[in-house]
Amino acid sequence: MTRILRTAIGSIALVGLTTAAAIAHHGWGSYDANNPVTVNGPIESLKFENPHATIVIKGSDKAWTATLAPTSRMQSRGATADIVAVGKTVSAYGYPSTVEKDEMRAERITVDGKTYELR
């Protein structure tokens, strides 16, 4: 009986951890892939941390928060923190959020004439 109870408690804990991880990492369903946008301007801020790097771009009409790729993918593709540094001019192509105003998921960015694919 004790073994069965321990197995059941372990299974419940595993389900709880899996659910928490799924909630912590958002899906991409809240972005409008039918209406892509391109935002050009200087990078105002950078968070180069997991689960995704983010930058704030001062566009021509407003500031946009661009969700980039995970830092490991950014680094493996050459888009290090030095490349997406504050003050650099960037062009970000991606999909606007349907939930968060002025937020986008960037599919690719161009910095200093070089394009980095993020997906």
PDB file of N, CA and C in Angstrom:
ATOM      1  N   MET A   1       0.825  -1.196   0.000  1.00  0.00           N
ATOM      2  CA  MET A   1       0.000   0.000   0.000  1.00  0.00           C
ATOM      3  C   MET A   1       0.867   1.255   0.000  1.00  0.00           C
ATOM      4  N   THR A   2       1.948   1.251   0.781  1.00  0.00           N
ATOM      5  CA  THR A   2       2.832   2.415   0.853  1.00  0.00           C
ATOM      6  C   THR A   2       3.469   2.680  -0.498  1.00  0.00           C
ATOM      7  N   ARG A   3       3.880   1.621  -1.179  1.00  0.00           N
ATOM      8  CA  ARG A   3       4.491   1.764  -2.503  1.00  0.00           C
ATOM      9  C   ARG A   3       3.508   2.387  -3.493  1.00  0.00           C
ATOM     10  N   ILE A   4       2.271   1.972  -3.479  1.00  0.00           N
ATOM     11  CA  ILE A   4       1.250   2.515  -4.364  1.00  0.00           C
ATOM     12  C   ILE A   4       1.018   3.989  -4.052  1.00  0.00           C
ATOM     13  N   LEU A   5       0.965   4.329  -2.771  1.00  0.00           N
ATOM     14  CA  LEU A   5       0.757   5.718  -2.362  1.00  0.00           C
ATOM     15  C   LEU A   5       1.929   6.589  -2.802  1.00  0.00           C
ATOM     16  N   ARG A   6       3.168   6.100  -2.635  1.00  0.00           N
ATOM     17  CA  ARG A   6       4.336   6.862  -3.071  1.00  0.00           C
ATOM     18  C   ARG A   6       4.331   7.074  -4.586  1.00  0.00           C
ATOM     19  N   THR A   7       3.953   6.052  -5.323  1.00  0.00           N
ATOM     20  CA  THR A   7       3.877   6.166  -6.779  1.00  0.00           C
ATOM     21  C   THR A   7       2.818   7.191  -7.186  1.00  0.00           C
ATOM     22  N   ALA A   8       1.677   7.164  -6.525  1.00  0.00           N
ATOM     23  CA  ALA A   8       0.610   8.119  -6.836  1.00  0.00           C
ATOM     24  C   ALA A   8       1.049   9.543  -6.511  1.00  0.00           C
ATOM     25  N   ILE A   9       1.687   9.754  -5.377  1.00  0.00           N
ATOM     26  CA  ILE A   9       2.155  11.088  -4.993  1.00  0.00           C
ATOM     27  C   ILE A   9       3.221  11.570  -5.973  1.00  0.00           C
ATOM     28  N   GLY A  10       4.111  10.672  -6.365  1.00  0.00           N
ATOM     29  CA  GLY A  10       5.143  11.026  -7.345  1.00  0.00           C
ATOM     30  C   GLY A  10       4.538  11.419  -8.682  1.00  0.00           C
ATOM     31  N   SER A  11       3.511  10.702  -9.107  1.00  0.00           N
ATOM     32  CA  SER A  11       2.845  11.018 -10.373  1.00  0.00           C
ATOM     33  C   SER A  11       2.149  12.374 -10.308  1.00  0.00           C
ATOM     34  N   ILE A  12       1.510  12.658  -9.197  1.00  0.00           N
ATOM     35  CA  ILE A  12       0.830  13.948  -9.022  1.00  0.00           C
ATOM     36  C   ILE A  12       1.859  15.078  -9.041  1.00  0.00           C
ATOM     37  N   ALA A  13       2.983  14.886  -8.373  1.00  0.00           N
ATOM     38  CA  ALA A  13       4.033  15.911  -8.359  1.00  0.00           C
ATOM     39  C   ALA A  13       4.582  16.148  -9.761  1.00  0.00           C
ATOM     40  N   LEU A  14       4.785  15.086 -10.520  1.00  0.00           N
ATOM     41  CA  LEU A  14       5.295  15.216 -11.884  1.00  0.00           C
ATOM     42  C   LEU A  14       4.319  15.990 -12.765  1.00  0.00           C
ATOM     43  N   VAL A  15       3.047  15.695 -12.652  1.00  0.00           N
ATOM     44  CA  VAL A  15       2.035  16.419 -13.424  1.00  0.00           C
ATOM     45  C   VAL A  15       2.035  17.895 -13.035  1.00  0.00           C
ATOM     46  N   GLY A  16       2.155  18.182 -11.745  1.00  0.00           N
ATOM     47  CA  GLY A  16       2.187  19.564 -11.278  1.00  0.00           C
ATOM     48  C   GLY A  16       3.376  20.321 -11.822  1.00  0.00           C
ATOM     49  N   LEU A  17       4.552  19.711 -11.829  1.00  0.00           N
ATOM     50  CA  LEU A  17       5.749  20.360 -12.356  1.00  0.00           C
ATOM     51  C   LEU A  17       5.645  20.583 -13.857  1.00  0.00           C
ATOM     52  N   THR A  18       5.130  19.606 -14.559  1.00  0.00           N
ATOM     53  CA  THR A  18       4.970  19.728 -16.006  1.00  0.00           C
ATOM     54  C   THR A  18       3.992  20.848 -16.347  1.00  0.00           C
ATOM     55  N   THR A  19       2.913  20.924 -15.611  1.00  0.00           N
ATOM     56  CA  THR A  19       1.919  21.982 -15.842  1.00  0.00           C
ATOM     57  C   THR A  19       2.516  23.347 -15.561  1.00  0.00           C
ATOM     58  N   ALA A  20       3.276  23.477 -14.477  1.00  0.00           N
ATOM     59  CA  ALA A  20       3.902  24.759 -14.135  1.00  0.00           C
ATOM     60  C   ALA A  20       4.877  25.191 -15.221  1.00  0.00           C
ATOM     61  N   ALA A  21       5.644  24.263 -15.756  1.00  0.00           N
ATOM     62  CA  ALA A  21       6.590  24.598 -16.827  1.00  0.00           C
ATOM     63  C   ALA A  21       5.849  25.039 -18.085  1.00  0.00           C
ATOM     64  N   ALA A  22       4.751  24.384 -18.389  1.00  0.00           N
ATOM     65  CA  ALA A  22       3.983  24.751 -19.583  1.00  0.00           C
ATOM     66  C   ALA A  22       3.362  26.136 -19.427  1.00  0.00           C
ATOM     67  N   ILE A  23       2.921  26.465 -18.241  1.00  0.00           N
ATOM     68  CA  ILE A  23       2.333  27.784 -17.999  1.00  0.00           C
ATOM     69  C   ILE A  23       3.416  28.852 -18.056  1.00  0.00           C
ATOM     70  N   ALA A  24       4.595  28.566 -17.526  1.00  0.00           N
ATOM     71  CA  ALA A  24       5.673  29.548 -17.496  1.00  0.00           C
ATOM     72  C   ALA A  24       6.163  29.894 -18.896  1.00  0.00           C
ATOM     73  N   HIS A  25       6.148  28.957 -19.808  1.00  0.00           N
ATOM     74  CA  HIS A  25       6.595  29.213 -21.179  1.00  0.00           C
ATOM     75  C   HIS A  25       5.370  29.368 -22.061  1.00  0.00           C
ATOM     76  N   HIS A  26       5.187  30.546 -22.594  1.00  0.00           N
ATOM     77  CA  HIS A  26       4.007  30.841 -23.404  1.00  0.00           C
ATOM     78  C   HIS A  26       4.121  30.211 -24.783  1.00  0.00           C
ATOM     79  N   GLY A  27       2.992  30.045 -25.409  1.00  0.00           N
ATOM     80  CA  GLY A  27       2.973  29.567 -26.782  1.00  0.00           C
ATOM     81  C   GLY A  27       2.982  30.740 -27.736  1.00  0.00           C
ATOM     82  N   TRP A  28       3.009  30.442 -29.019  1.00  0.00           N
ATOM     83  CA  TRP A  28       3.048  31.490 -30.029  1.00  0.00           C
ATOM     84  C   TRP A  28       1.682  31.777 -30.619  1.00  0.00           C
ATOM     85  N   GLY A  29       0.624  31.186 -30.094  1.00  0.00           N
ATOM     86  CA  GLY A  29      -0.717  31.372 -30.632  1.00  0.00           C
ATOM     87  C   GLY A  29      -1.276  32.772 -30.459  1.00  0.00           C
ATOM     88  N   SER A  30      -0.675  33.570 -29.595  1.00  0.00           N
ATOM     89  CA  SER A  30      -1.205  34.913 -29.348  1.00  0.00           C
ATOM     90  C   SER A  30      -0.542  35.976 -30.232  1.00  0.00           C
ATOM     91  N   TYR A  31       0.039  35.540 -31.342  1.00  0.00           N
ATOM     92  CA  TYR A  31       0.660  36.471 -32.297  1.00  0.00           C
ATOM     93  C   TYR A  31      -0.042  36.337 -33.643  1.00  0.00           C
ATOM     94  N   ASP A  32      -0.230  37.447 -34.330  1.00  0.00           N
ATOM     95  CA  ASP A  32      -0.986  37.487 -35.577  1.00  0.00           C
ATOM     96  C   ASP A  32      -0.057  37.302 -36.782  1.00  0.00           C
ATOM     97  N   ALA A  33       0.123  36.044 -37.186  1.00  0.00           N
ATOM     98  CA  ALA A  33       1.016  35.724 -38.302  1.00  0.00           C
ATOM     99  C   ALA A  33       0.454  36.200 -39.649  1.00  0.00           C
ATOM    100  N   ASN A  34      -0.816  36.586 -39.692  1.00  0.00           N
ATOM    101  CA  ASN A  34      -1.413  37.075 -40.934  1.00  0.00           C
ATOM    102  C   ASN A  34      -1.127  38.553 -41.201  1.00  0.00           C
ATOM    103  N   ASN A  35      -0.583  39.244 -40.202  1.00  0.00           N
ATOM    104  CA  ASN A  35      -0.316  40.678 -40.340  1.00  0.00           C
ATOM    105  C   ASN A  35       1.082  41.022 -39.841  1.00  0.00           C
ATOM    106  N   PRO A  36       2.120  40.549 -40.518  1.00  0.00           N
ATOM    107  CA  PRO A  36       3.479  40.817 -40.056  1.00  0.00           C
ATOM    108  C   PRO A  36       3.809  42.315 -40.086  1.00  0.00           C
ATOM    109  N   VAL A  37       4.714  42.702 -39.203  1.00  0.00           N
ATOM    110  CA  VAL A  37       5.161  44.097 -39.138  1.00  0.00           C
ATOM    111  C   VAL A  37       6.686  44.130 -39.193  1.00  0.00           C
ATOM    112  N   THR A  38       7.201  45.255 -39.630  1.00  0.00           N
ATOM    113  CA  THR A  38       8.632  45.517 -39.580  1.00  0.00           C
ATOM    114  C   THR A  38       8.817  46.799 -38.782  1.00  0.00           C
ATOM    115  N   VAL A  39       9.643  46.724 -37.773  1.00  0.00           N
ATOM    116  CA  VAL A  39       9.911  47.875 -36.922  1.00  0.00           C
ATOM    117  C   VAL A  39      11.390  48.220 -37.063  1.00  0.00           C
ATOM    118  N   ASN A  40      11.673  49.477 -37.361  1.00  0.00           N
ATOM    119  CA  ASN A  40      13.045  49.953 -37.518  1.00  0.00           C
ATOM    120  C   ASN A  40      13.320  51.031 -36.481  1.00  0.00           C
ATOM    121  N   GLY A  41      14.516  50.990 -35.901  1.00  0.00           N
ATOM    122  CA  GLY A  41      14.891  52.040 -34.970  1.00  0.00           C
ATOM    123  C   GLY A  41      15.981  51.593 -34.026  1.00  0.00           C
ATOM    124  N   PRO A  42      16.371  52.486 -33.140  1.00  0.00           N
ATOM    125  CA  PRO A  42      17.411  52.149 -32.180  1.00  0.00           C
ATOM    126  C   PRO A  42      16.878  51.253 -31.055  1.00  0.00           C
ATOM    127  N   ILE A  43      17.756  50.413 -30.542  1.00  0.00           N
ATOM    128  CA  ILE A  43      17.415  49.558 -29.406  1.00  0.00           C
ATOM    129  C   ILE A  43      17.525  50.406 -28.144  1.00  0.00           C
ATOM    130  N   GLU A  44      16.408  50.494 -27.408  1.00  0.00           N
ATOM    131  CA  GLU A  44      16.377  51.285 -26.178  1.00  0.00           C
ATOM    132  C   GLU A  44      16.734  50.473 -24.943  1.00  0.00           C
ATOM    133  N   SER A  45      16.392  49.180 -24.953  1.00  0.00           N
ATOM    134  CA  SER A  45      16.740  48.317 -23.820  1.00  0.00           C
ATOM    135  C   SER A  45      16.877  46.881 -24.306  1.00  0.00           C
ATOM    136  N   LEU A  46      17.623  46.109 -23.534  1.00  0.00           N
ATOM    137  CA  LEU A  46      17.893  44.704 -23.866  1.00  0.00           C
ATOM    138  C   LEU A  46      17.813  43.863 -22.604  1.00  0.00           C
ATOM    139  N   LYS A  47      17.116  42.733 -22.703  1.00  0.00           N
ATOM    140  CA  LYS A  47      17.154  41.690 -21.666  1.00  0.00           C
ATOM    141  C   LYS A  47      17.639  40.440 -22.375  1.00  0.00           C
ATOM    142  N   PHE A  48      18.880  40.089 -22.157  1.00  0.00           N
ATOM    143  CA  PHE A  48      19.464  38.911 -22.801  1.00  0.00           C
ATOM    144  C   PHE A  48      19.446  37.780 -21.782  1.00  0.00           C
ATOM    145  N   GLU A  49      18.252  37.223 -21.582  1.00  0.00           N
ATOM    146  CA  GLU A  49      18.056  36.174 -20.586  1.00  0.00           C
ATOM    147  C   GLU A  49      16.969  35.226 -21.063  1.00  0.00           C
ATOM    148  N   ASN A  50      16.924  34.054 -20.466  1.00  0.00           N
ATOM    149  CA  ASN A  50      15.920  33.057 -20.830  1.00  0.00           C
ATOM    150  C   ASN A  50      14.615  33.335 -20.111  1.00  0.00           C
ATOM    151  N   PRO A  51      13.467  32.935 -20.653  1.00  0.00           N
ATOM    152  CA  PRO A  51      13.352  31.988 -21.748  1.00  0.00           C
ATOM    153  C   PRO A  51      13.570  32.614 -23.127  1.00  0.00           C
ATOM    154  N   HIS A  52      13.466  33.947 -23.262  1.00  0.00           N
ATOM    155  CA  HIS A  52      13.697  34.610 -24.551  1.00  0.00           C
ATOM    156  C   HIS A  52      14.359  35.946 -24.294  1.00  0.00           C
ATOM    157  N   ALA A  53      15.261  36.321 -25.169  1.00  0.00           N
ATOM    158  CA  ALA A  53      15.810  37.670 -25.124  1.00  0.00           C
ATOM    159  C   ALA A  53      14.716  38.626 -25.600  1.00  0.00           C
ATOM    160  N   THR A  54      14.734  39.837 -25.090  1.00  0.00           N
ATOM    161  CA  THR A  54      13.791  40.857 -25.543  1.00  0.00           C
ATOM    162  C   THR A  54      14.524  42.178 -25.722  1.00  0.00           C
ATOM    163  N   ILE A  55      14.049  42.945 -26.686  1.00  0.00           N
ATOM    164  CA  ILE A  55      14.569  44.286 -26.897  1.00  0.00           C
ATOM    165  C   ILE A  55      13.393  45.241 -27.018  1.00  0.00           C
ATOM    166  N   VAL A  56      13.636  46.493 -26.676  1.00  0.00           N
ATOM    167  CA  VAL A  56      12.652  47.540 -26.924  1.00  0.00           C
ATOM    168  C   VAL A  56      13.239  48.410 -28.024  1.00  0.00           C
ATOM    169  N   ILE A  57      12.465  48.560 -29.095  1.00  0.00           N
ATOM    170  CA  ILE A  57      12.885  49.315 -30.275  1.00  0.00           C
ATOM    171  C   ILE A  57      12.079  50.612 -30.336  1.00  0.00           C
ATOM    172  N   LYS A  58      12.758  51.732 -30.468  1.00  0.00           N
ATOM    173  CA  LYS A  58      12.056  53.010 -30.644  1.00  0.00           C
ATOM    174  C   LYS A  58      11.716  53.151 -32.120  1.00  0.00           C
ATOM    175  N   GLY A  59      10.495  52.764 -32.462  1.00  0.00           N
ATOM    176  CA  GLY A  59      10.029  52.865 -33.841  1.00  0.00           C
ATOM    177  C   GLY A  59       9.680  54.301 -34.186  1.00  0.00           C
ATOM    178  N   SER A  60       9.242  54.519 -35.415  1.00  0.00           N
ATOM    179  CA  SER A  60       8.932  55.877 -35.859  1.00  0.00           C
ATOM    180  C   SER A  60       7.719  56.460 -35.143  1.00  0.00           C
ATOM    181  N   ASP A  61       6.783  55.599 -34.732  1.00  0.00           N
ATOM    182  CA  ASP A  61       5.566  56.102 -34.104  1.00  0.00           C
ATOM    183  C   ASP A  61       5.400  55.698 -32.647  1.00  0.00           C
ATOM    184  N   LYS A  62       6.135  54.676 -32.194  1.00  0.00           N
ATOM    185  CA  LYS A  62       6.009  54.196 -30.812  1.00  0.00           C
ATOM    186  C   LYS A  62       7.135  53.221 -30.510  1.00  0.00           C
ATOM    187  N   ALA A  63       7.277  52.886 -29.254  1.00  0.00           N
ATOM    188  CA  ALA A  63       8.271  51.885 -28.843  1.00  0.00           C
ATOM    189  C   ALA A  63       7.622  50.504 -28.888  1.00  0.00           C
ATOM    190  N   TRP A  64       8.348  49.548 -29.444  1.00  0.00           N
ATOM    191  CA  TRP A  64       7.890  48.166 -29.551  1.00  0.00           C
ATOM    192  C   TRP A  64       8.777  47.268 -28.698  1.00  0.00           C
ATOM    193  N   THR A  65       8.178  46.333 -27.994  1.00  0.00           N
ATOM    194  CA  THR A  65       8.918  45.276 -27.319  1.00  0.00           C
ATOM    195  C   THR A  65       8.952  44.086 -28.263  1.00  0.00           C
ATOM    196  N   ALA A  66      10.149  43.656 -28.621  1.00  0.00           N
ATOM    197  CA  ALA A  66      10.306  42.521 -29.536  1.00  0.00           C
ATOM    198  C   ALA A  66      10.834  41.320 -28.767  1.00  0.00           C
ATOM    199  N   THR A  67      10.055  40.244 -28.764  1.00  0.00           N
ATOM    200  CA  THR A  67      10.492  38.988 -28.173  1.00  0.00           C
ATOM    201  C   THR A  67      11.354  38.285 -29.202  1.00  0.00           C
ATOM    202  N   LEU A  68      12.578  37.968 -28.804  1.00  0.00           N
ATOM    203  CA  LEU A  68      13.529  37.324 -29.707  1.00  0.00           C
ATOM    204  C   LEU A  68      13.582  35.834 -29.386  1.00  0.00           C
ATOM    205  N   ALA A  69      14.638  35.170 -29.771  1.00  0.00           N
ATOM    206  CA  ALA A  69      14.809  33.737 -29.525  1.00  0.00           C
ATOM    207  C   ALA A  69      15.436  33.508 -28.146  1.00  0.00           C
ATOM    208  N   PRO A  70      15.478  32.252 -27.686  1.00  0.00           N
ATOM    209  CA  PRO A  70      16.225  31.948 -26.467  1.00  0.00           C
ATOM    210  C   PRO A  70      17.699  32.344 -26.651  1.00  0.00           C
ATOM    211  N   THR A  71      18.353  32.674 -25.569  1.00  0.00           N
ATOM    212  CA  THR A  71      19.736  33.169 -25.663  1.00  0.00           C
ATOM    213  C   THR A  71      20.679  32.158 -26.305  1.00  0.00           C
ATOM    214  N   SER A  72      20.478  30.879 -26.060  1.00  0.00           N
ATOM    215  CA  SER A  72      21.368  29.879 -26.669  1.00  0.00           C
ATOM    216  C   SER A  72      21.243  29.894 -28.196  1.00  0.00           C
ATOM    217  N   ARG A  73      20.030  30.058 -28.707  1.00  0.00           N
ATOM    218  CA  ARG A  73      19.829  30.127 -30.153  1.00  0.00           C
ATOM    219  C   ARG A  73      20.387  31.439 -30.704  1.00  0.00           C
ATOM    220  N   MET A  74      20.175  32.517 -29.971  1.00  0.00           N
ATOM    221  CA  MET A  74      20.727  33.811 -30.402  1.00  0.00           C
ATOM    222  C   MET A  74      22.245  33.697 -30.558  1.00  0.00           C
ATOM    223  N   GLN A  75      22.903  33.151 -29.555  1.00  0.00           N
ATOM    224  CA  GLN A  75      24.360  33.038 -29.577  1.00  0.00           C
ATOM    225  C   GLN A  75      24.837  32.102 -30.675  1.00  0.00           C
ATOM    226  N   SER A  76      24.147  30.969 -30.869  1.00  0.00           N
ATOM    227  CA  SER A  76      24.585  30.021 -31.896  1.00  0.00           C
ATOM    228  C   SER A  76      24.433  30.590 -33.305  1.00  0.00           C
ATOM    229  N   ARG A  77      23.569  31.582 -33.470  1.00  0.00           N
ATOM    230  CA  ARG A  77      23.377  32.204 -34.781  1.00  0.00           C
ATOM    231  C   ARG A  77      24.141  33.516 -34.919  1.00  0.00           C
ATOM    232  N   GLY A  78      24.938  33.824 -33.897  1.00  0.00           N
ATOM    233  CA  GLY A  78      25.790  35.003 -33.972  1.00  0.00           C
ATOM    234  C   GLY A  78      25.191  36.280 -33.442  1.00  0.00           C
ATOM    235  N   ALA A  79      23.963  36.234 -32.980  1.00  0.00           N
ATOM    236  CA  ALA A  79      23.290  37.424 -32.452  1.00  0.00           C
ATOM    237  C   ALA A  79      23.519  37.509 -30.943  1.00  0.00           C
ATOM    238  N   THR A  80      24.742  37.803 -30.573  1.00  0.00           N
ATOM    239  CA  THR A  80      25.117  37.881 -29.168  1.00  0.00           C
ATOM    240  C   THR A  80      24.583  39.169 -28.539  1.00  0.00           C
ATOM    241  N   ALA A  81      24.759  39.292 -27.240  1.00  0.00           N
ATOM    242  CA  ALA A  81      24.322  40.500 -26.536  1.00  0.00           C
ATOM    243  C   ALA A  81      25.034  41.739 -27.080  1.00  0.00           C
ATOM    244  N   ASP A  82      26.264  41.604 -27.544  1.00  0.00           N
ATOM    245  CA  ASP A  82      26.991  42.734 -28.126  1.00  0.00           C
ATOM    246  C   ASP A  82      26.372  43.182 -29.452  1.00  0.00           C
ATOM    247  N   ILE A  83      25.798  42.250 -30.187  1.00  0.00           N
ATOM    248  CA  ILE A  83      25.176  42.576 -31.481  1.00  0.00           C
ATOM    249  C   ILE A  83      23.866  43.332 -31.271  1.00  0.00           C
ATOM    250  N   VAL A  84      23.066  42.896 -30.312  1.00  0.00           N
ATOM    251  CA  VAL A  84      21.762  43.528 -30.059  1.00  0.00           C
ATOM    252  C   VAL A  84      21.847  44.507 -28.884  1.00  0.00           C
ATOM    253  N   ALA A  85      22.941  45.206 -28.797  1.00  0.00           N
ATOM    254  CA  ALA A  85      23.204  46.118 -27.679  1.00  0.00           C
ATOM    255  C   ALA A  85      22.361  47.392 -27.777  1.00  0.00           C
ATOM    256  N   VAL A  86      22.132  47.977 -26.626  1.00  0.00           N
ATOM    257  CA  VAL A  86      21.419  49.252 -26.556  1.00  0.00           C
ATOM    258  C   VAL A  86      22.164  50.285 -27.400  1.00  0.00           C
ATOM    259  N   GLY A  87      21.397  51.036 -28.185  1.00  0.00           N
ATOM    260  CA  GLY A  87      21.961  52.066 -29.042  1.00  0.00           C
ATOM    261  C   GLY A  87      22.142  51.640 -30.488  1.00  0.00           C
ATOM    262  N   LYS A  88      22.224  50.326 -30.737  1.00  0.00           N
ATOM    263  CA  LYS A  88      22.344  49.839 -32.118  1.00  0.00           C
ATOM    264  C   LYS A  88      21.010  50.031 -32.829  1.00  0.00           C
ATOM    265  N   THR A  89      21.077  50.258 -34.133  1.00  0.00           N
ATOM    266  CA  THR A  89      19.859  50.361 -34.937  1.00  0.00           C
ATOM    267  C   THR A  89      19.517  48.978 -35.462  1.00  0.00           C
ATOM    268  N   VAL A  90      18.245  48.612 -35.354  1.00  0.00           N
ATOM    269  CA  VAL A  90      17.786  47.282 -35.723  1.00  0.00           C
ATOM    270  C   VAL A  90      16.548  47.392 -36.608  1.00  0.00           C
ATOM    271  N   SER A  91      16.384  46.398 -37.457  1.00  0.00           N
ATOM    272  CA  SER A  91      15.144  46.203 -38.188  1.00  0.00           C
ATOM    273  C   SER A  91      14.625  44.839 -37.765  1.00  0.00           C
ATOM    274  N   ALA A  92      13.436  44.806 -37.201  1.00  0.00           N
ATOM    275  CA  ALA A  92      12.852  43.549 -36.721  1.00  0.00           C
ATOM    276  C   ALA A  92      11.590  43.248 -37.519  1.00  0.00           C
ATOM    277  N   TYR A  93      11.527  42.042 -38.073  1.00  0.00           N
ATOM    278  CA  TYR A  93      10.362  41.574 -38.820  1.00  0.00           C
ATOM    279  C   TYR A  93       9.706  40.478 -37.993  1.00  0.00           C
ATOM    280  N   GLY A  94       8.402  40.601 -37.786  1.00  0.00           N
ATOM    281  CA  GLY A  94       7.719  39.567 -37.014  1.00  0.00           C
ATOM    282  C   GLY A  94       6.233  39.806 -36.934  1.00  0.00           C
ATOM    283  N   TYR A  95       5.640  39.224 -35.898  1.00  0.00           N
ATOM    284  CA  TYR A  95       4.198  39.199 -35.768  1.00  0.00           C
ATOM    285  C   TYR A  95       3.751  39.937 -34.512  1.00  0.00           C
ATOM    286  N   PRO A  96       2.782  40.842 -34.662  1.00  0.00           N
ATOM    287  CA  PRO A  96       2.304  41.585 -33.500  1.00  0.00           C
ATOM    288  C   PRO A  96       1.491  40.705 -32.561  1.00  0.00           C
ATOM    289  N   SER A  97       1.578  41.022 -31.289  1.00  0.00           N
ATOM    290  CA  SER A  97       0.802  40.301 -30.277  1.00  0.00           C
ATOM    291  C   SER A  97      -0.667  40.670 -30.384  1.00  0.00           C
ATOM    292  N   THR A  98      -1.522  39.707 -30.146  1.00  0.00           N
ATOM    293  CA  THR A  98      -2.950  39.970 -30.089  1.00  0.00           C
ATOM    294  C   THR A  98      -3.380  40.235 -28.642  1.00  0.00           C
ATOM    295  N   VAL A  99      -2.426  40.152 -27.711  1.00  0.00           N
ATOM    296  CA  VAL A  99      -2.721  40.312 -26.286  1.00  0.00           C
ATOM    297  C   VAL A  99      -2.051  41.556 -25.709  1.00  0.00           C
ATOM    298  N   GLU A 100      -0.755  41.707 -25.967  1.00  0.00           N
ATOM    299  CA  GLU A 100       0.026  42.812 -25.414  1.00  0.00           C
ATOM    300  C   GLU A 100       0.189  43.919 -26.445  1.00  0.00           C
ATOM    301  N   LYS A 101      -0.228  45.115 -26.103  1.00  0.00           N
ATOM    302  CA  LYS A 101      -0.111  46.257 -27.005  1.00  0.00           C
ATOM    303  C   LYS A 101       1.365  46.554 -27.262  1.00  0.00           C
ATOM    304  N   ASP A 102       1.719  46.833 -28.510  1.00  0.00           N
ATOM    305  CA  ASP A 102       3.075  47.229 -28.902  1.00  0.00           C
ATOM    306  C   ASP A 102       4.126  46.162 -28.610  1.00  0.00           C
ATOM    307  N   GLU A 103       3.739  44.900 -28.734  1.00  0.00           N
ATOM    308  CA  GLU A 103       4.675  43.790 -28.532  1.00  0.00           C
ATOM    309  C   GLU A 103       4.632  42.903 -29.764  1.00  0.00           C
ATOM    310  N   MET A 104       5.774  42.345 -30.131  1.00  0.00           N
ATOM    311  CA  MET A 104       5.860  41.481 -31.300  1.00  0.00           C
ATOM    312  C   MET A 104       6.794  40.309 -31.043  1.00  0.00           C
ATOM    313  N   ARG A 105       6.601  39.263 -31.808  1.00  0.00           N
ATOM    314  CA  ARG A 105       7.520  38.117 -31.834  1.00  0.00           C
ATOM    315  C   ARG A 105       8.359  38.271 -33.092  1.00  0.00           C
ATOM    316  N   ALA A 106       9.644  38.494 -32.924  1.00  0.00           N
ATOM    317  CA  ALA A 106      10.514  38.725 -34.078  1.00  0.00           C
ATOM    318  C   ALA A 106      10.923  37.401 -34.719  1.00  0.00           C
ATOM    319  N   GLU A 107      10.717  37.307 -36.011  1.00  0.00           N
ATOM    320  CA  GLU A 107      11.162  36.143 -36.787  1.00  0.00           C
ATOM    321  C   GLU A 107      12.608  36.318 -37.231  1.00  0.00           C
ATOM    322  N   ARG A 108      12.961  37.567 -37.541  1.00  0.00           N
ATOM    323  CA  ARG A 108      14.340  37.861 -37.946  1.00  0.00           C
ATOM    324  C   ARG A 108      14.646  39.305 -37.598  1.00  0.00           C
ATOM    325  N   ILE A 109      15.917  39.568 -37.380  1.00  0.00           N
ATOM    326  CA  ILE A 109      16.364  40.936 -37.122  1.00  0.00           C
ATOM    327  C   ILE A 109      17.573  41.218 -38.004  1.00  0.00           C
ATOM    328  N   THR A 110      17.743  42.480 -38.354  1.00  0.00           N
ATOM    329  CA  THR A 110      18.917  42.913 -39.101  1.00  0.00           C
ATOM    330  C   THR A 110      19.609  43.996 -38.291  1.00  0.00           C
ATOM    331  N   VAL A 111      20.889  43.771 -38.035  1.00  0.00           N
ATOM    332  CA  VAL A 111      21.710  44.714 -37.281  1.00  0.00           C
ATOM    333  C   VAL A 111      23.022  44.874 -38.033  1.00  0.00           C
ATOM    334  N   ASP A 112      23.452  46.106 -38.219  1.00  0.00           N
ATOM    335  CA  ASP A 112      24.710  46.393 -38.923  1.00  0.00           C
ATOM    336  C   ASP A 112      24.791  45.691 -40.284  1.00  0.00           C
ATOM    337  N   GLY A 113      23.653  45.632 -40.985  1.00  0.00           N
ATOM    338  CA  GLY A 113      23.630  45.048 -42.322  1.00  0.00           C
ATOM    339  C   GLY A 113      23.592  43.529 -42.367  1.00  0.00           C
ATOM    340  N   LYS A 114      23.572  42.879 -41.222  1.00  0.00           N
ATOM    341  CA  LYS A 114      23.534  41.415 -41.193  1.00  0.00           C
ATOM    342  C   LYS A 114      22.195  40.948 -40.624  1.00  0.00           C
ATOM    343  N   THR A 115      21.583  39.968 -41.304  1.00  0.00           N
ATOM    344  CA  THR A 115      20.281  39.440 -40.876  1.00  0.00           C
ATOM    345  C   THR A 115      20.491  38.151 -40.092  1.00  0.00           C
ATOM    346  N   TYR A 116      19.750  38.040 -38.988  1.00  0.00           N
ATOM    347  CA  TYR A 116      19.799  36.878 -38.103  1.00  0.00           C
ATOM    348  C   TYR A 116      18.409  36.259 -38.062  1.00  0.00           C
ATOM    349  N   GLU A 117      18.301  35.002 -38.499  1.00  0.00           N
ATOM    350  CA  GLU A 117      17.047  34.271 -38.431  1.00  0.00           C
ATOM    351  C   GLU A 117      16.893  33.740 -37.004  1.00  0.00           C
ATOM    352  N   LEU A 118      15.726  33.979 -36.394  1.00  0.00           N
ATOM    353  CA  LEU A 118      15.543  33.629 -34.994  1.00  0.00           C
ATOM    354  C   LEU A 118      14.707  32.390 -34.760  1.00  0.00           C
ATOM    355  N   ARG A 119      13.966  31.922 -35.759  1.00  0.00           N
ATOM    356  CA  ARG A 119      13.105  30.751 -35.545  1.00  0.00           C
ATOM    357  C   ARG A 119      13.674  29.534 -36.196  1.00  0.00           C
TER     358      ARG A 119
END
